[in-house]
Amino acid sequence: MPQQTTFLQETKALLGETLFPVWEELCRFIDERYEMEHLWNYGGKQWQYEYKFRRGGKTLCALYAREDTIGVLVVLGKAEQEKFKLQLSGFSGEVRALFEETPAYHDGKWLMLLPRDTSVLQDLERLLLLKRRPNRK
């Protein structure tokens, strides 16, 4: 498996100048607030790469990359779904609609956001803070 720098360089080339800042800013936000393992993988049939943020066997989120597309997967369990509903007005219409349209499974709602630019970063950051409290000071 290639080195992390190779994955990062290839991800930057895949995403381009509009989407790579979303990737960078989200990674920065997570690294500043959370102590996490960073796991690079191949993304399977739909994605070129997967980049997971995990701690203690639990995934905070996963970023996915393919040509000109970024995906951010956040799984909200039952308790997190209730928190989301209480904070509903703080999220954009796009994220509220995604939450409503996403089916709930036994392990939660698998929200896959497909940002087109950095405008969705505030929603993504709110989702992550809702999912897990920061463990860095």
C-alpha atoms as a PDB file:
ATOM      1  CA  MET A   1       0.000   0.000   0.000  1.00  0.00           C
ATOM      2  CA  PRO A   2       1.396   3.453  -0.896  1.00  0.00           C
ATOM      3  CA  GLN A   3       2.680   5.885   1.709  1.00  0.00           C
ATOM      4  CA  GLN A   4       0.402   8.528   3.245  1.00  0.00           C
ATOM      5  CA  THR A   5       2.107  11.300   1.244  1.00  0.00           C
ATOM      6  CA  THR A   6       1.345   9.411  -1.975  1.00  0.00           C
ATOM      7  CA  PHE A   7      -2.327   9.087  -1.000  1.00  0.00           C
ATOM      8  CA  LEU A   8      -2.468  12.788  -0.144  1.00  0.00           C
ATOM      9  CA  GLN A   9      -0.813  13.871  -3.408  1.00  0.00           C
ATOM     10  CA  GLU A  10      -3.120  11.650  -5.438  1.00  0.00           C
ATOM     11  CA  THR A  11      -6.154  12.870  -3.487  1.00  0.00           C
ATOM     12  CA  LYS A  12      -5.215  16.467  -4.205  1.00  0.00           C
ATOM     13  CA  ALA A  13      -4.915  15.681  -7.924  1.00  0.00           C
ATOM     14  CA  LEU A  14      -8.254  13.825  -7.902  1.00  0.00           C
ATOM     15  CA  LEU A  15     -10.235  16.501  -6.079  1.00  0.00           C
ATOM     16  CA  GLY A  16      -8.791  19.580  -7.741  1.00  0.00           C
ATOM     17  CA  GLU A  17      -8.561  23.171  -6.554  1.00  0.00           C
ATOM     18  CA  THR A  18     -12.226  23.556  -5.624  1.00  0.00           C
ATOM     19  CA  LEU A  19     -12.663  20.434  -3.499  1.00  0.00           C
ATOM     20  CA  PHE A  20      -9.233  19.818  -1.987  1.00  0.00           C
ATOM     21  CA  PRO A  21      -9.662  22.811   0.395  1.00  0.00           C
ATOM     22  CA  VAL A  22     -12.757  21.058   1.802  1.00  0.00           C
ATOM     23  CA  TRP A  23     -10.630  17.964   2.472  1.00  0.00           C
ATOM     24  CA  GLU A  24      -7.794  19.998   4.000  1.00  0.00           C
ATOM     25  CA  GLU A  25     -10.024  22.127   6.217  1.00  0.00           C
ATOM     26  CA  LEU A  26     -11.994  19.162   7.506  1.00  0.00           C
ATOM     27  CA  CYS A  27      -8.775  17.264   8.313  1.00  0.00           C
ATOM     28  CA  ARG A  28      -7.400  20.340  10.085  1.00  0.00           C
ATOM     29  CA  PHE A  29     -10.594  20.741  12.114  1.00  0.00           C
ATOM     30  CA  ILE A  30     -10.483  17.094  13.208  1.00  0.00           C
ATOM     31  CA  ASP A  31      -6.749  17.098  13.990  1.00  0.00           C
ATOM     32  CA  GLU A  32      -7.076  20.240  16.137  1.00  0.00           C
ATOM     33  CA  ARG A  33      -9.935  18.835  18.220  1.00  0.00           C
ATOM     34  CA  TYR A  34      -9.560  15.066  18.219  1.00  0.00           C
ATOM     35  CA  GLU A  35      -6.785  12.596  18.839  1.00  0.00           C
ATOM     36  CA  MET A  36      -7.536   9.945  16.229  1.00  0.00           C
ATOM     37  CA  GLU A  37      -5.959   7.194  14.179  1.00  0.00           C
ATOM     38  CA  HIS A  38      -5.778   8.059  10.476  1.00  0.00           C
ATOM     39  CA  LEU A  39      -6.423   5.088   8.200  1.00  0.00           C
ATOM     40  CA  TRP A  40      -5.888   5.304   4.433  1.00  0.00           C
ATOM     41  CA  ASN A  41      -7.544   2.627   2.309  1.00  0.00           C
ATOM     42  CA  TYR A  42      -8.582   2.075  -1.246  1.00  0.00           C
ATOM     43  CA  GLY A  43     -12.164   3.183  -1.639  1.00  0.00           C
ATOM     44  CA  GLY A  44     -13.695   0.121  -3.230  1.00  0.00           C
ATOM     45  CA  LYS A  45     -15.869   0.211  -6.344  1.00  0.00           C
ATOM     46  CA  GLN A  46     -17.232   3.739  -5.954  1.00  0.00           C
ATOM     47  CA  TRP A  47     -14.253   5.653  -4.575  1.00  0.00           C
ATOM     48  CA  GLN A  48     -10.530   5.884  -5.263  1.00  0.00           C
ATOM     49  CA  TYR A  49      -9.560   6.428  -1.600  1.00  0.00           C
ATOM     50  CA  GLU A  50     -11.032   6.226   1.877  1.00  0.00           C
ATOM     51  CA  TYR A  51      -9.549   8.136   4.826  1.00  0.00           C
ATOM     52  CA  LYS A  52     -10.985   7.171   8.227  1.00  0.00           C
ATOM     53  CA  PHE A  53     -10.662   8.901  11.556  1.00  0.00           C
ATOM     54  CA  ARG A  54     -10.954   6.307  14.346  1.00  0.00           C
ATOM     55  CA  ARG A  55     -10.330   5.979  18.041  1.00  0.00           C
ATOM     56  CA  GLY A  56     -10.984   3.013  20.281  1.00  0.00           C
ATOM     57  CA  GLY A  57     -12.529   1.013  17.460  1.00  0.00           C
ATOM     58  CA  LYS A  58     -15.103   3.732  16.737  1.00  0.00           C
ATOM     59  CA  THR A  59     -15.087   5.803  13.576  1.00  0.00           C
ATOM     60  CA  LEU A  60     -15.679   9.536  13.860  1.00  0.00           C
ATOM     61  CA  CYS A  61     -16.067   9.926  10.094  1.00  0.00           C
ATOM     62  CA  ALA A  62     -14.633   8.793   6.802  1.00  0.00           C
ATOM     63  CA  LEU A  63     -13.602  10.929   3.841  1.00  0.00           C
ATOM     64  CA  TYR A  64     -13.808   9.519   0.337  1.00  0.00           C
ATOM     65  CA  ALA A  65     -12.231  10.766  -2.875  1.00  0.00           C
ATOM     66  CA  ARG A  66     -12.673  10.111  -6.575  1.00  0.00           C
ATOM     67  CA  GLU A  67     -12.198  12.380  -9.557  1.00  0.00           C
ATOM     68  CA  ASP A  68     -13.832  15.763  -8.839  1.00  0.00           C
ATOM     69  CA  THR A  69     -15.904  14.311  -5.968  1.00  0.00           C
ATOM     70  CA  ILE A  70     -15.480  14.223  -2.200  1.00  0.00           C
ATOM     71  CA  GLY A  71     -17.699  12.221   0.135  1.00  0.00           C
ATOM     72  CA  VAL A  72     -17.929  12.614   3.893  1.00  0.00           C
ATOM     73  CA  LEU A  73     -19.613   9.781   5.768  1.00  0.00           C
ATOM     74  CA  VAL A  74     -20.886  10.377   9.297  1.00  0.00           C
ATOM     75  CA  VAL A  75     -22.922   7.659  11.013  1.00  0.00           C
ATOM     76  CA  LEU A  76     -25.322   8.942  13.662  1.00  0.00           C
ATOM     77  CA  GLY A  77     -26.492   6.423  16.259  1.00  0.00           C
ATOM     78  CA  LYS A  78     -29.858   6.745  18.014  1.00  0.00           C
ATOM     79  CA  ALA A  79     -28.640   9.147  20.712  1.00  0.00           C
ATOM     80  CA  GLU A  80     -26.850  11.284  18.107  1.00  0.00           C
ATOM     81  CA  GLN A  81     -29.976  11.373  15.947  1.00  0.00           C
ATOM     82  CA  GLU A  82     -31.907  12.771  18.910  1.00  0.00           C
ATOM     83  CA  LYS A  83     -29.212  15.430  19.444  1.00  0.00           C
ATOM     84  CA  PHE A  84     -29.410  16.277  15.734  1.00  0.00           C
ATOM     85  CA  LYS A  85     -33.184  16.741  15.961  1.00  0.00           C
ATOM     86  CA  LEU A  86     -32.743  19.109  18.916  1.00  0.00           C
ATOM     87  CA  GLN A  87     -30.226  21.186  16.922  1.00  0.00           C
ATOM     88  CA  LEU A  88     -32.084  20.937  13.607  1.00  0.00           C
ATOM     89  CA  SER A  89     -32.404  24.680  13.036  1.00  0.00           C
ATOM     90  CA  GLY A  90     -28.597  25.056  13.217  1.00  0.00           C
ATOM     91  CA  PHE A  91     -28.092  22.965  10.080  1.00  0.00           C
ATOM     92  CA  SER A  92     -28.576  23.932   6.448  1.00  0.00           C
ATOM     93  CA  GLY A  93     -31.636  22.819   4.517  1.00  0.00           C
ATOM     94  CA  GLU A  94     -29.421  20.478   2.493  1.00  0.00           C
ATOM     95  CA  VAL A  95     -28.213  18.608   5.593  1.00  0.00           C
ATOM     96  CA  ARG A  96     -31.688  18.563   7.183  1.00  0.00           C
ATOM     97  CA  ALA A  97     -33.103  17.050   3.958  1.00  0.00           C
ATOM     98  CA  LEU A  98     -30.312  14.465   3.837  1.00  0.00           C
ATOM     99  CA  PHE A  99     -31.047  13.493   7.444  1.00  0.00           C
ATOM    100  CA  GLU A 100     -34.773  13.095   6.703  1.00  0.00           C
ATOM    101  CA  GLU A 101     -34.190  11.111   3.484  1.00  0.00           C
ATOM    102  CA  THR A 102     -31.586   8.750   4.943  1.00  0.00           C
ATOM    103  CA  PRO A 103     -33.040   5.498   6.276  1.00  0.00           C
ATOM    104  CA  ALA A 104     -32.245   4.482   9.846  1.00  0.00           C
ATOM    105  CA  TYR A 105     -30.586   1.082  10.211  1.00  0.00           C
ATOM    106  CA  HIS A 106     -29.886  -0.918  13.366  1.00  0.00           C
ATOM    107  CA  ASP A 107     -26.531   0.872  13.722  1.00  0.00           C
ATOM    108  CA  GLY A 108     -27.723   4.375  12.835  1.00  0.00           C
ATOM    109  CA  LYS A 109     -28.210   6.755   9.929  1.00  0.00           C
ATOM    110  CA  TRP A 110     -25.352   6.705   7.429  1.00  0.00           C
ATOM    111  CA  LEU A 111     -25.171  10.303   6.218  1.00  0.00           C
ATOM    112  CA  MET A 112     -23.053  10.657   3.069  1.00  0.00           C
ATOM    113  CA  LEU A 113     -22.472  14.306   2.254  1.00  0.00           C
ATOM    114  CA  LEU A 114     -21.080  15.253  -1.147  1.00  0.00           C
ATOM    115  CA  PRO A 115     -19.736  18.808  -0.706  1.00  0.00           C
ATOM    116  CA  ARG A 116     -19.320  20.938  -3.830  1.00  0.00           C
ATOM    117  CA  ASP A 117     -17.303  23.621  -2.027  1.00  0.00           C
ATOM    118  CA  THR A 118     -16.357  24.856   1.445  1.00  0.00           C
ATOM    119  CA  SER A 119     -19.864  26.234   2.193  1.00  0.00           C
ATOM    120  CA  VAL A 120     -20.871  22.962   3.896  1.00  0.00           C
ATOM    121  CA  LEU A 121     -17.895  22.930   6.295  1.00  0.00           C
ATOM    122  CA  GLN A 122     -19.832  24.502   9.163  1.00  0.00           C
ATOM    123  CA  ASP A 123     -22.479  21.758   8.912  1.00  0.00           C
ATOM    124  CA  LEU A 124     -19.813  19.050   8.793  1.00  0.00           C
ATOM    125  CA  GLU A 125     -18.046  20.475  11.828  1.00  0.00           C
ATOM    126  CA  ARG A 126     -21.349  20.639  13.745  1.00  0.00           C
ATOM    127  CA  LEU A 127     -22.095  17.015  12.867  1.00  0.00           C
ATOM    128  CA  LEU A 128     -18.696  15.887  14.131  1.00  0.00           C
ATOM    129  CA  LEU A 129     -19.047  17.850  17.379  1.00  0.00           C
ATOM    130  CA  LEU A 130     -22.498  16.328  17.831  1.00  0.00           C
ATOM    131  CA  LYS A 131     -21.124  12.831  17.204  1.00  0.00           C
ATOM    132  CA  ARG A 132     -18.213  13.069  19.604  1.00  0.00           C
ATOM    133  CA  ARG A 133     -16.892  15.653  22.035  1.00  0.00           C
ATOM    134  CA  PRO A 134     -13.352  16.823  21.274  1.00  0.00           C
ATOM    135  CA  ASN A 135     -10.619  15.069  23.250  1.00  0.00           C
ATOM    136  CA  ARG A 136      -7.855  17.618  22.643  1.00  0.00           C
ATOM    137  CA  LYS A 137      -7.416  20.818  24.569  1.00  0.00           C
END
